């Protein structure tokens, strides 16, 4: 008997849309790599880092949809966000002020 695994058309469409967004990011930034992080009931976060150091993220409704999206996009996927991969991220003044928050006079959160 052939394996007749059920495919959820809505999940397939969502994964395809995310893959298209990942591909657009990759094209705009000279290539990209990513990492998928489980967010619990909220789904999964796809963190993207372009070859130029620009970073961004997308949220998928489930971990499986996120994994399908990165596979469809063809980018390199890392298991963790550390080491050489994390070192590729380039941040600017906005990110530093947001990370610092009130401690060093950054914008208020809220």
PDB file of N, CA and C in Angstrom:
ATOM      1  N   UNK A   1       0.819  -1.182   0.000  1.00  0.00           N
ATOM      2  CA  UNK A   1       0.000   0.000   0.000  1.00  0.00           C
ATOM      3  C   UNK A   1       0.866   1.249   0.000  1.00  0.00           C
ATOM      4  N   UNK A   2       0.433   2.256  -0.692  1.00  0.00           N
ATOM      5  CA  UNK A   2       1.141   3.534  -0.734  1.00  0.00           C
ATOM      6  C   UNK A   2       0.811   4.337   0.514  1.00  0.00           C
ATOM      7  N   UNK A   3       1.766   5.140   0.940  1.00  0.00           N
ATOM      8  CA  UNK A   3       1.558   6.017   2.098  1.00  0.00           C
ATOM      9  C   UNK A   3       0.640   7.156   1.673  1.00  0.00           C
ATOM     10  N   UNK A   4      -0.512   7.234   2.296  1.00  0.00           N
ATOM     11  CA  UNK A   4      -1.487   8.271   1.937  1.00  0.00           C
ATOM     12  C   UNK A   4      -1.599   9.284   3.071  1.00  0.00           C
ATOM     13  N   UNK A   5      -0.524  10.018   3.279  1.00  0.00           N
ATOM     14  CA  UNK A   5      -0.480  11.024   4.328  1.00  0.00           C
ATOM     15  C   UNK A   5      -1.379  12.200   3.954  1.00  0.00           C
ATOM     16  N   UNK A   6      -2.200  12.634   4.908  1.00  0.00           N
ATOM     17  CA  UNK A   6      -3.102  13.753   4.670  1.00  0.00           C
ATOM     18  C   UNK A   6      -2.309  15.051   4.575  1.00  0.00           C
ATOM     19  N   UNK A   7      -2.628  15.890   3.614  1.00  0.00           N
ATOM     20  CA  UNK A   7      -1.992  17.185   3.455  1.00  0.00           C
ATOM     21  C   UNK A   7      -3.058  18.251   3.682  1.00  0.00           C
ATOM     22  N   UNK A   8      -2.783  19.153   4.608  1.00  0.00           N
ATOM     23  CA  UNK A   8      -3.688  20.245   4.912  1.00  0.00           C
ATOM     24  C   UNK A   8      -3.446  21.362   3.895  1.00  0.00           C
ATOM     25  N   UNK A   9      -4.407  21.612   2.996  1.00  0.00           N
ATOM     26  CA  UNK A   9      -4.191  22.625   1.954  1.00  0.00           C
ATOM     27  C   UNK A   9      -3.941  24.022   2.525  1.00  0.00           C
ATOM     28  N   UNK A  10      -4.601  24.355   3.627  1.00  0.00           N
ATOM     29  CA  UNK A  10      -4.398  25.672   4.245  1.00  0.00           C
ATOM     30  C   UNK A  10      -2.966  25.800   4.763  1.00  0.00           C
ATOM     31  N   UNK A  11      -2.454  24.760   5.399  1.00  0.00           N
ATOM     32  CA  UNK A  11      -1.082  24.764   5.903  1.00  0.00           C
ATOM     33  C   UNK A  11      -0.090  24.842   4.746  1.00  0.00           C
ATOM     34  N   UNK A  12      -0.382  24.136   3.666  1.00  0.00           N
ATOM     35  CA  UNK A  12       0.488  24.178   2.476  1.00  0.00           C
ATOM     36  C   UNK A  12       0.551  25.588   1.896  1.00  0.00           C
ATOM     37  N   UNK A  13      -0.597  26.256   1.813  1.00  0.00           N
ATOM     38  CA  UNK A  13      -0.631  27.629   1.281  1.00  0.00           C
ATOM     39  C   UNK A  13       0.142  28.586   2.182  1.00  0.00           C
ATOM     40  N   UNK A  14      -0.020  28.434   3.488  1.00  0.00           N
ATOM     41  CA  UNK A  14       0.697  29.294   4.429  1.00  0.00           C
ATOM     42  C   UNK A  14       2.204  29.074   4.317  1.00  0.00           C
ATOM     43  N   UNK A  15       2.627  27.827   4.230  1.00  0.00           N
ATOM     44  CA  UNK A  15       4.053  27.517   4.085  1.00  0.00           C
ATOM     45  C   UNK A  15       4.589  28.099   2.779  1.00  0.00           C
ATOM     46  N   UNK A  16       3.809  28.013   1.708  1.00  0.00           N
ATOM     47  CA  UNK A  16       4.234  28.556   0.418  1.00  0.00           C
ATOM     48  C   UNK A  16       4.372  30.079   0.483  1.00  0.00           C
ATOM     49  N   UNK A  17       3.421  30.744   1.165  1.00  0.00           N
ATOM     50  CA  UNK A  17       3.507  32.205   1.306  1.00  0.00           C
ATOM     51  C   UNK A  17       4.728  32.605   2.128  1.00  0.00           C
ATOM     52  N   UNK A  18       4.975  31.896   3.212  1.00  0.00           N
ATOM     53  CA  UNK A  18       6.159  32.183   4.020  1.00  0.00           C
ATOM     54  C   UNK A  18       7.443  31.929   3.227  1.00  0.00           C
ATOM     55  N   UNK A  19       7.467  30.848   2.463  1.00  0.00           N
ATOM     56  CA  UNK A  19       8.640  30.536   1.637  1.00  0.00           C
ATOM     57  C   UNK A  19       8.893  31.648   0.624  1.00  0.00           C
ATOM     58  N   UNK A  20       7.837  32.208   0.072  1.00  0.00           N
ATOM     59  CA  UNK A  20       7.976  33.317  -0.876  1.00  0.00           C
ATOM     60  C   UNK A  20       8.562  34.550  -0.177  1.00  0.00           C
ATOM     61  N   UNK A  21       8.097  34.833   1.040  1.00  0.00           N
ATOM     62  CA  UNK A  21       8.638  35.957   1.804  1.00  0.00           C
ATOM     63  C   UNK A  21      10.105  35.732   2.146  1.00  0.00           C
ATOM     64  N   UNK A  22      10.445  34.512   2.520  1.00  0.00           N
ATOM     65  CA  UNK A  22      11.832  34.173   2.822  1.00  0.00           C
ATOM     66  C   UNK A  22      12.687  34.360   1.574  1.00  0.00           C
ATOM     67  N   UNK A  23      12.186  33.901   0.429  1.00  0.00           N
ATOM     68  CA  UNK A  23      12.907  34.058  -0.827  1.00  0.00           C
ATOM     69  C   UNK A  23      13.115  35.514  -1.191  1.00  0.00           C
ATOM     70  N   UNK A  24      12.107  36.346  -0.960  1.00  0.00           N
ATOM     71  CA  UNK A  24      12.231  37.783  -1.245  1.00  0.00           C
ATOM     72  C   UNK A  24      13.291  38.415  -0.350  1.00  0.00           C
ATOM     73  N   UNK A  25      13.286  38.049   0.926  1.00  0.00           N
ATOM     74  CA  UNK A  25      14.296  38.560   1.859  1.00  0.00           C
ATOM     75  C   UNK A  25      15.684  38.135   1.386  1.00  0.00           C
ATOM     76  N   UNK A  26      15.824  36.878   1.022  1.00  0.00           N
ATOM     77  CA  UNK A  26      17.101  36.354   0.572  1.00  0.00           C
ATOM     78  C   UNK A  26      17.601  37.092  -0.667  1.00  0.00           C
ATOM     79  N   UNK A  27      16.728  37.316  -1.620  1.00  0.00           N
ATOM     80  CA  UNK A  27      17.093  38.032  -2.842  1.00  0.00           C
ATOM     81  C   UNK A  27      17.527  39.465  -2.537  1.00  0.00           C
ATOM     82  N   UNK A  28      16.806  40.115  -1.645  1.00  0.00           N
ATOM     83  CA  UNK A  28      17.099  41.509  -1.309  1.00  0.00           C
ATOM     84  C   UNK A  28      18.398  41.678  -0.532  1.00  0.00           C
ATOM     85  N   UNK A  29      18.873  40.613   0.110  1.00  0.00           N
ATOM     86  CA  UNK A  29      20.040  40.739   0.986  1.00  0.00           C
ATOM     87  C   UNK A  29      21.196  39.827   0.594  1.00  0.00           C
ATOM     88  N   UNK A  30      21.246  39.443  -0.679  1.00  0.00           N
ATOM     89  CA  UNK A  30      22.384  38.681  -1.194  1.00  0.00           C
ATOM     90  C   UNK A  30      22.461  37.253  -0.707  1.00  0.00           C
ATOM     91  N   UNK A  31      21.339  36.693  -0.295  1.00  0.00           N
ATOM     92  CA  UNK A  31      21.286  35.355   0.265  1.00  0.00           C
ATOM     93  C   UNK A  31      20.849  35.438   1.712  1.00  0.00           C
ATOM     94  N   UNK A  32      20.475  34.306   2.271  1.00  0.00           N
ATOM     95  CA  UNK A  32      20.026  34.304   3.666  1.00  0.00           C
ATOM     96  C   UNK A  32      20.202  32.927   4.287  1.00  0.00           C
ATOM     97  N   UNK A  33      20.263  32.935   5.596  1.00  0.00           N
ATOM     98  CA  UNK A  33      20.264  31.729   6.402  1.00  0.00           C
ATOM     99  C   UNK A  33      19.192  31.923   7.463  1.00  0.00           C
ATOM    100  N   UNK A  34      18.750  30.838   8.081  1.00  0.00           N
ATOM    101  CA  UNK A  34      17.687  30.981   9.061  1.00  0.00           C
ATOM    102  C   UNK A  34      17.769  29.990  10.195  1.00  0.00           C
ATOM    103  N   UNK A  35      16.875  30.200  11.157  1.00  0.00           N
ATOM    104  CA  UNK A  35      16.735  29.310  12.301  1.00  0.00           C
ATOM    105  C   UNK A  35      15.274  29.347  12.711  1.00  0.00           C
ATOM    106  N   UNK A  36      14.721  28.193  13.057  1.00  0.00           N
ATOM    107  CA  UNK A  36      13.328  28.095  13.472  1.00  0.00           C
ATOM    108  C   UNK A  36      13.287  27.845  14.973  1.00  0.00           C
ATOM    109  N   UNK A  37      12.528  28.682  15.690  1.00  0.00           N
ATOM    110  CA  UNK A  37      12.408  28.552  17.147  1.00  0.00           C
ATOM    111  C   UNK A  37      10.947  28.323  17.518  1.00  0.00           C
ATOM    112  N   UNK A  38      10.702  27.327  18.312  1.00  0.00           N
ATOM    113  CA  UNK A  38       9.361  26.992  18.778  1.00  0.00           C
ATOM    114  C   UNK A  38       8.887  28.055  19.767  1.00  0.00           C
ATOM    115  N   UNK A  39       7.676  28.580  19.572  1.00  0.00           N
ATOM    116  CA  UNK A  39       7.119  29.608  20.450  1.00  0.00           C
ATOM    117  C   UNK A  39       5.966  29.099  21.306  1.00  0.00           C
ATOM    118  N   UNK A  40       5.772  27.804  21.361  1.00  0.00           N
ATOM    119  CA  UNK A  40       4.652  27.254  22.122  1.00  0.00           C
ATOM    120  C   UNK A  40       3.366  27.369  21.320  1.00  0.00           C
ATOM    121  N   UNK A  41       2.282  27.713  21.989  1.00  0.00           N
ATOM    122  CA  UNK A  41       0.984  27.800  21.309  1.00  0.00           C
ATOM    123  C   UNK A  41       0.953  28.877  20.235  1.00  0.00           C
ATOM    124  N   UNK A  42       1.851  29.828  20.302  1.00  0.00           N
ATOM    125  CA  UNK A  42       1.883  30.910  19.311  1.00  0.00           C
ATOM    126  C   UNK A  42       2.448  30.455  17.977  1.00  0.00           C
ATOM    127  N   UNK A  43       3.118  29.310  17.933  1.00  0.00           N
ATOM    128  CA  UNK A  43       3.665  28.807  16.679  1.00  0.00           C
ATOM    129  C   UNK A  43       5.170  28.724  16.711  1.00  0.00           C
ATOM    130  N   UNK A  44       5.802  29.265  15.658  1.00  0.00           N
ATOM    131  CA  UNK A  44       7.256  29.210  15.540  1.00  0.00           C
ATOM    132  C   UNK A  44       7.766  30.480  14.876  1.00  0.00           C
ATOM    133  N   UNK A  45       8.931  30.898  15.298  1.00  0.00           N
ATOM    134  CA  UNK A  45       9.570  32.099  14.756  1.00  0.00           C
ATOM    135  C   UNK A  45      10.670  31.664  13.801  1.00  0.00           C
ATOM    136  N   UNK A  46      10.657  32.245  12.622  1.00  0.00           N
ATOM    137  CA  UNK A  46      11.703  32.008  11.633  1.00  0.00           C
ATOM    138  C   UNK A  46      12.600  33.244  11.645  1.00  0.00           C
ATOM    139  N   UNK A  47      13.816  33.092  12.151  1.00  0.00           N
ATOM    140  CA  UNK A  47      14.768  34.200  12.181  1.00  0.00           C
ATOM    141  C   UNK A  47      15.615  34.106  10.921  1.00  0.00           C
ATOM    142  N   UNK A  48      15.717  35.207  10.198  1.00  0.00           N
ATOM    143  CA  UNK A  48      16.472  35.255   8.947  1.00  0.00           C
ATOM    144  C   UNK A  48      17.641  36.218   9.085  1.00  0.00           C
ATOM    145  N   UNK A  49      18.791  35.837   8.553  1.00  0.00           N
ATOM    146  CA  UNK A  49      19.958  36.708   8.520  1.00  0.00           C
ATOM    147  C   UNK A  49      20.467  36.727   7.091  1.00  0.00           C
ATOM    148  N   UNK A  50      20.481  37.922   6.495  1.00  0.00           N
ATOM    149  CA  UNK A  50      20.971  38.079   5.133  1.00  0.00           C
ATOM    150  C   UNK A  50      22.484  38.087   5.088  1.00  0.00           C
ATOM    151  N   UNK A  51      23.033  37.847   3.917  1.00  0.00           N
ATOM    152  CA  UNK A  51      24.492  37.862   3.744  1.00  0.00           C
ATOM    153  C   UNK A  51      25.069  39.238   4.037  1.00  0.00           C
ATOM    154  N   UNK A  52      24.243  40.290   3.948  1.00  0.00           N
ATOM    155  CA  UNK A  52      24.705  41.642   4.247  1.00  0.00           C
ATOM    156  C   UNK A  52      24.572  41.992   5.725  1.00  0.00           C
ATOM    157  N   UNK A  53      24.136  41.039   6.560  1.00  0.00           N
ATOM    158  CA  UNK A  53      24.011  41.269   7.986  1.00  0.00           C
ATOM    159  C   UNK A  53      22.639  41.733   8.436  1.00  0.00           C
ATOM    160  N   UNK A  54      21.769  42.070   7.486  1.00  0.00           N
ATOM    161  CA  UNK A  54      20.403  42.477   7.828  1.00  0.00           C
ATOM    162  C   UNK A  54      19.656  41.271   8.366  1.00  0.00           C
ATOM    163  N   UNK A  55      18.829  41.496   9.372  1.00  0.00           N
ATOM    164  CA  UNK A  55      18.063  40.389   9.930  1.00  0.00           C
ATOM    165  C   UNK A  55      16.594  40.740   9.986  1.00  0.00           C
ATOM    166  N   UNK A  56      15.796  39.714  10.053  1.00  0.00           N
ATOM    167  CA  UNK A  56      14.356  39.877  10.156  1.00  0.00           C
ATOM    168  C   UNK A  56      13.759  38.585  10.659  1.00  0.00           C
ATOM    169  N   UNK A  57      12.477  38.597  10.898  1.00  0.00           N
ATOM    170  CA  UNK A  57      11.834  37.375  11.331  1.00  0.00           C
ATOM    171  C   UNK A  57      10.400  37.300  10.848  1.00  0.00           C
ATOM    172  N   UNK A  58       9.898  36.093  10.830  1.00  0.00           N
ATOM    173  CA  UNK A  58       8.517  35.796  10.460  1.00  0.00           C
ATOM    174  C   UNK A  58       7.973  34.847  11.512  1.00  0.00           C
ATOM    175  N   UNK A  59       6.665  34.873  11.710  1.00  0.00           N
ATOM    176  CA  UNK A  59       6.049  33.934  12.643  1.00  0.00           C
ATOM    177  C   UNK A  59       5.085  33.045  11.874  1.00  0.00           C
ATOM    178  N   UNK A  60       5.227  31.753  12.067  1.00  0.00           N
ATOM    179  CA  UNK A  60       4.348  30.756  11.458  1.00  0.00           C
ATOM    180  C   UNK A  60       3.394  30.245  12.535  1.00  0.00           C
ATOM    181  N   UNK A  61       2.191  29.831  12.148  1.00  0.00           N
ATOM    182  CA  UNK A  61       1.229  29.359  13.149  1.00  0.00           C
ATOM    183  C   UNK A  61       1.616  28.046  13.820  1.00  0.00           C
ATOM    184  N   UNK A  62       2.472  27.246  13.177  1.00  0.00           N
ATOM    185  CA  UNK A  62       2.949  25.999  13.782  1.00  0.00           C
ATOM    186  C   UNK A  62       4.415  25.788  13.415  1.00  0.00           C
ATOM    187  N   UNK A  63       5.088  24.969  14.219  1.00  0.00           N
ATOM    188  CA  UNK A  63       6.487  24.626  13.946  1.00  0.00           C
ATOM    189  C   UNK A  63       6.603  23.883  12.615  1.00  0.00           C
ATOM    190  N   UNK A  64       5.670  22.981  12.336  1.00  0.00           N
ATOM    191  CA  UNK A  64       5.718  22.205  11.094  1.00  0.00           C
ATOM    192  C   UNK A  64       5.598  23.097   9.862  1.00  0.00           C
ATOM    193  N   UNK A  65       4.735  24.113   9.933  1.00  0.00           N
ATOM    194  CA  UNK A  65       4.598  25.046   8.811  1.00  0.00           C
ATOM    195  C   UNK A  65       5.885  25.846   8.638  1.00  0.00           C
ATOM    196  N   UNK A  66       6.489  26.264   9.737  1.00  0.00           N
ATOM    197  CA  UNK A  66       7.752  27.005   9.658  1.00  0.00           C
ATOM    198  C   UNK A  66       8.840  26.154   9.012  1.00  0.00           C
ATOM    199  N   UNK A  67       8.957  24.894   9.434  1.00  0.00           N
ATOM    200  CA  UNK A  67       9.962  24.004   8.853  1.00  0.00           C
ATOM    201  C   UNK A  67       9.701  23.779   7.361  1.00  0.00           C
ATOM    202  N   UNK A  68       8.433  23.598   6.995  1.00  0.00           N
ATOM    203  CA  UNK A  68       8.093  23.411   5.579  1.00  0.00           C
ATOM    204  C   UNK A  68       8.466  24.649   4.775  1.00  0.00           C
ATOM    205  N   UNK A  69       8.237  25.828   5.336  1.00  0.00           N
ATOM    206  CA  UNK A  69       8.540  27.078   4.632  1.00  0.00           C
ATOM    207  C   UNK A  69      10.036  27.233   4.376  1.00  0.00           C
ATOM    208  N   UNK A  70      10.864  26.979   5.389  1.00  0.00           N
ATOM    209  CA  UNK A  70      12.305  27.134   5.171  1.00  0.00           C
ATOM    210  C   UNK A  70      12.823  26.078   4.200  1.00  0.00           C
ATOM    211  N   UNK A  71      12.253  24.883   4.244  1.00  0.00           N
ATOM    212  CA  UNK A  71      12.662  23.845   3.288  1.00  0.00           C
ATOM    213  C   UNK A  71      12.299  24.249   1.863  1.00  0.00           C
ATOM    214  N   UNK A  72      11.080  24.765   1.677  1.00  0.00           N
ATOM    215  CA  UNK A  72      10.648  25.205   0.341  1.00  0.00           C
ATOM    216  C   UNK A  72      11.503  26.358  -0.171  1.00  0.00           C
ATOM    217  N   UNK A  73      11.942  27.234   0.732  1.00  0.00           N
ATOM    218  CA  UNK A  73      12.709  28.415   0.316  1.00  0.00           C
ATOM    219  C   UNK A  73      14.125  28.066  -0.116  1.00  0.00           C
ATOM    220  N   UNK A  74      14.660  26.951   0.383  1.00  0.00           N
ATOM    221  CA  UNK A  74      15.997  26.529  -0.004  1.00  0.00           C
ATOM    222  C   UNK A  74      17.134  27.182   0.763  1.00  0.00           C
ATOM    223  N   UNK A  75      16.842  27.956   1.821  1.00  0.00           N
ATOM    224  CA  UNK A  75      17.913  28.586   2.585  1.00  0.00           C
ATOM    225  C   UNK A  75      18.575  27.564   3.506  1.00  0.00           C
ATOM    226  N   UNK A  76      19.771  27.884   3.969  1.00  0.00           N
ATOM    227  CA  UNK A  76      20.446  27.070   4.969  1.00  0.00           C
ATOM    228  C   UNK A  76      19.760  27.304   6.306  1.00  0.00           C
ATOM    229  N   UNK A  77      19.445  26.239   7.028  1.00  0.00           N
ATOM    230  CA  UNK A  77      18.768  26.350   8.312  1.00  0.00           C
ATOM    231  C   UNK A  77      19.686  25.836   9.412  1.00  0.00           C
ATOM    232  N   UNK A  78      19.834  26.636  10.457  1.00  0.00           N
ATOM    233  CA  UNK A  78      20.664  26.278  11.610  1.00  0.00           C
ATOM    234  C   UNK A  78      19.769  25.780  12.739  1.00  0.00           C
ATOM    235  N   UNK A  79      20.292  24.861  13.533  1.00  0.00           N
ATOM    236  CA  UNK A  79      19.535  24.332  14.669  1.00  0.00           C
ATOM    237  C   UNK A  79      19.471  25.339  15.809  1.00  0.00           C
ATOM    238  N   UNK A  80      20.521  26.147  15.962  1.00  0.00           N
ATOM    239  CA  UNK A  80      20.568  27.137  17.041  1.00  0.00           C
ATOM    240  C   UNK A  80      20.995  28.491  16.483  1.00  0.00           C
ATOM    241  N   UNK A  81      20.695  29.525  17.242  1.00  0.00           N
ATOM    242  CA  UNK A  81      21.076  30.880  16.848  1.00  0.00           C
ATOM    243  C   UNK A  81      22.279  31.293  17.684  1.00  0.00           C
ATOM    244  N   UNK A  82      23.442  30.792  17.295  1.00  0.00           N
ATOM    245  CA  UNK A  82      24.656  31.111  18.029  1.00  0.00           C
ATOM    246  C   UNK A  82      25.866  31.005  17.114  1.00  0.00           C
ATOM    247  N   UNK A  83      27.020  31.240  17.682  1.00  0.00           N
ATOM    248  CA  UNK A  83      28.273  31.079  16.963  1.00  0.00           C
ATOM    249  C   UNK A  83      28.397  31.952  15.733  1.00  0.00           C
ATOM    250  N   UNK A  84      28.931  31.357  14.693  1.00  0.00           N
ATOM    251  CA  UNK A  84      29.193  32.073  13.443  1.00  0.00           C
ATOM    252  C   UNK A  84      27.913  32.635  12.833  1.00  0.00           C
ATOM    253  N   UNK A  85      26.821  31.889  12.932  1.00  0.00           N
ATOM    254  CA  UNK A  85      25.543  32.342  12.386  1.00  0.00           C
ATOM    255  C   UNK A  85      25.086  33.625  13.076  1.00  0.00           C
ATOM    256  N   UNK A  86      25.072  33.644  14.395  1.00  0.00           N
ATOM    257  CA  UNK A  86      24.657  34.836  15.140  1.00  0.00           C
ATOM    258  C   UNK A  86      25.616  35.998  14.890  1.00  0.00           C
ATOM    259  N   UNK A  87      26.879  35.679  14.670  1.00  0.00           N
ATOM    260  CA  UNK A  87      27.880  36.706  14.424  1.00  0.00           C
ATOM    261  C   UNK A  87      27.678  37.462  13.121  1.00  0.00           C
ATOM    262  N   UNK A  88      26.864  36.930  12.220  1.00  0.00           N
ATOM    263  CA  UNK A  88      26.608  37.595  10.939  1.00  0.00           C
ATOM    264  C   UNK A  88      25.638  38.771  11.069  1.00  0.00           C
ATOM    265  N   UNK A  89      24.889  38.832  12.176  1.00  0.00           N
ATOM    266  CA  UNK A  89      23.885  39.883  12.360  1.00  0.00           C
ATOM    267  C   UNK A  89      24.565  41.228  12.569  1.00  0.00           C
ATOM    268  N   UNK A  90      24.098  42.224  11.850  1.00  0.00           N
ATOM    269  CA  UNK A  90      24.585  43.596  12.007  1.00  0.00           C
ATOM    270  C   UNK A  90      23.445  44.425  12.590  1.00  0.00           C
ATOM    271  N   UNK A  91      23.741  45.094  13.682  1.00  0.00           N
ATOM    272  CA  UNK A  91      22.730  45.936  14.320  1.00  0.00           C
ATOM    273  C   UNK A  91      23.146  47.389  14.223  1.00  0.00           C
ATOM    274  N   UNK A  92      22.148  48.249  14.246  1.00  0.00           N
ATOM    275  CA  UNK A  92      22.390  49.684  14.185  1.00  0.00           C
ATOM    276  C   UNK A  92      21.950  50.363  15.467  1.00  0.00           C
ATOM    277  N   UNK A  93      21.969  51.680  15.476  1.00  0.00           N
ATOM    278  CA  UNK A  93      21.599  52.439  16.671  1.00  0.00           C
ATOM    279  C   UNK A  93      20.182  52.128  17.173  1.00  0.00           C
ATOM    280  N   UNK A  94      19.247  51.923  16.259  1.00  0.00           N
ATOM    281  CA  UNK A  94      17.871  51.647  16.678  1.00  0.00           C
ATOM    282  C   UNK A  94      17.809  50.362  17.508  1.00  0.00           C
ATOM    283  N   UNK A  95      18.417  49.294  17.017  1.00  0.00           N
ATOM    284  CA  UNK A  95      18.379  48.024  17.736  1.00  0.00           C
ATOM    285  C   UNK A  95      19.056  48.147  19.097  1.00  0.00           C
ATOM    286  N   UNK A  96      20.196  48.829  19.140  1.00  0.00           N
ATOM    287  CA  UNK A  96      20.902  48.973  20.411  1.00  0.00           C
ATOM    288  C   UNK A  96      20.076  49.767  21.407  1.00  0.00           C
ATOM    289  N   UNK A  97      19.404  50.810  20.950  1.00  0.00           N
ATOM    290  CA  UNK A  97      18.599  51.596  21.887  1.00  0.00           C
ATOM    291  C   UNK A  97      17.389  50.807  22.360  1.00  0.00           C
ATOM    292  N   UNK A  98      16.796  50.002  21.493  1.00  0.00           N
ATOM    293  CA  UNK A  98      15.654  49.177  21.894  1.00  0.00           C
ATOM    294  C   UNK A  98      16.092  48.079  22.862  1.00  0.00           C
ATOM    295  N   UNK A  99      17.257  47.482  22.638  1.00  0.00           N
ATOM    296  CA  UNK A  99      17.740  46.436  23.535  1.00  0.00           C
ATOM    297  C   UNK A  99      18.078  47.020  24.906  1.00  0.00           C
ATOM    298  N   UNK A 100      18.624  48.227  24.925  1.00  0.00           N
ATOM    299  CA  UNK A 100      19.014  48.846  26.182  1.00  0.00           C
ATOM    300  C   UNK A 100      17.808  49.366  26.949  1.00  0.00           C
ATOM    301  N   UNK A 101      16.767  49.751  26.224  1.00  0.00           N
ATOM    302  CA  UNK A 101      15.573  50.258  26.881  1.00  0.00           C
ATOM    303  C   UNK A 101      15.871  51.442  27.764  1.00  0.00           C
ATOM    304  N   UNK A 102      15.316  51.437  28.933  1.00  0.00           N
ATOM    305  CA  UNK A 102      15.454  52.566  29.849  1.00  0.00           C
ATOM    306  C   UNK A 102      16.820  52.638  30.522  1.00  0.00           C
ATOM    307  N   UNK A 103      17.580  51.533  30.519  1.00  0.00           N
ATOM    308  CA  UNK A 103      18.835  51.535  31.252  1.00  0.00           C
ATOM    309  C   UNK A 103      19.795  52.627  30.791  1.00  0.00           C
ATOM    310  N   UNK A 104      19.875  52.870  29.482  1.00  0.00           N
ATOM    311  CA  UNK A 104      20.802  53.893  29.001  1.00  0.00           C
ATOM    312  C   UNK A 104      20.084  54.952  28.171  1.00  0.00           C
ATOM    313  N   UNK A 105      18.849  55.191  28.495  1.00  0.00           N
ATOM    314  CA  UNK A 105      18.130  56.273  27.830  1.00  0.00           C
ATOM    315  C   UNK A 105      17.497  55.906  26.515  1.00  0.00           C
ATOM    316  N   UNK A 106      17.314  54.623  26.245  1.00  0.00           N
ATOM    317  CA  UNK A 106      16.646  54.217  25.015  1.00  0.00           C
ATOM    318  C   UNK A 106      15.154  54.519  25.081  1.00  0.00           C
ATOM    319  N   UNK A 107      14.426  54.283  23.991  1.00  0.00           N
ATOM    320  CA  UNK A 107      12.992  54.571  23.981  1.00  0.00           C
ATOM    321  C   UNK A 107      12.259  53.729  25.008  1.00  0.00           C
ATOM    322  N   UNK A 108      11.217  54.282  25.558  1.00  0.00           N
ATOM    323  CA  UNK A 108      10.425  53.561  26.550  1.00  0.00           C
ATOM    324  C   UNK A 108       9.677  52.415  25.888  1.00  0.00           C
ATOM    325  N   UNK A 109       9.546  51.309  26.588  1.00  0.00           N
ATOM    326  CA  UNK A 109       8.796  50.154  26.097  1.00  0.00           C
ATOM    327  C   UNK A 109       7.361  50.245  26.601  1.00  0.00           C
ATOM    328  N   UNK A 110       6.501  50.818  25.791  1.00  0.00           N
ATOM    329  CA  UNK A 110       5.112  50.838  26.208  1.00  0.00           C
ATOM    330  C   UNK A 110       4.518  52.125  26.195  1.00  0.00           C
TER     331      UNK A 110
END
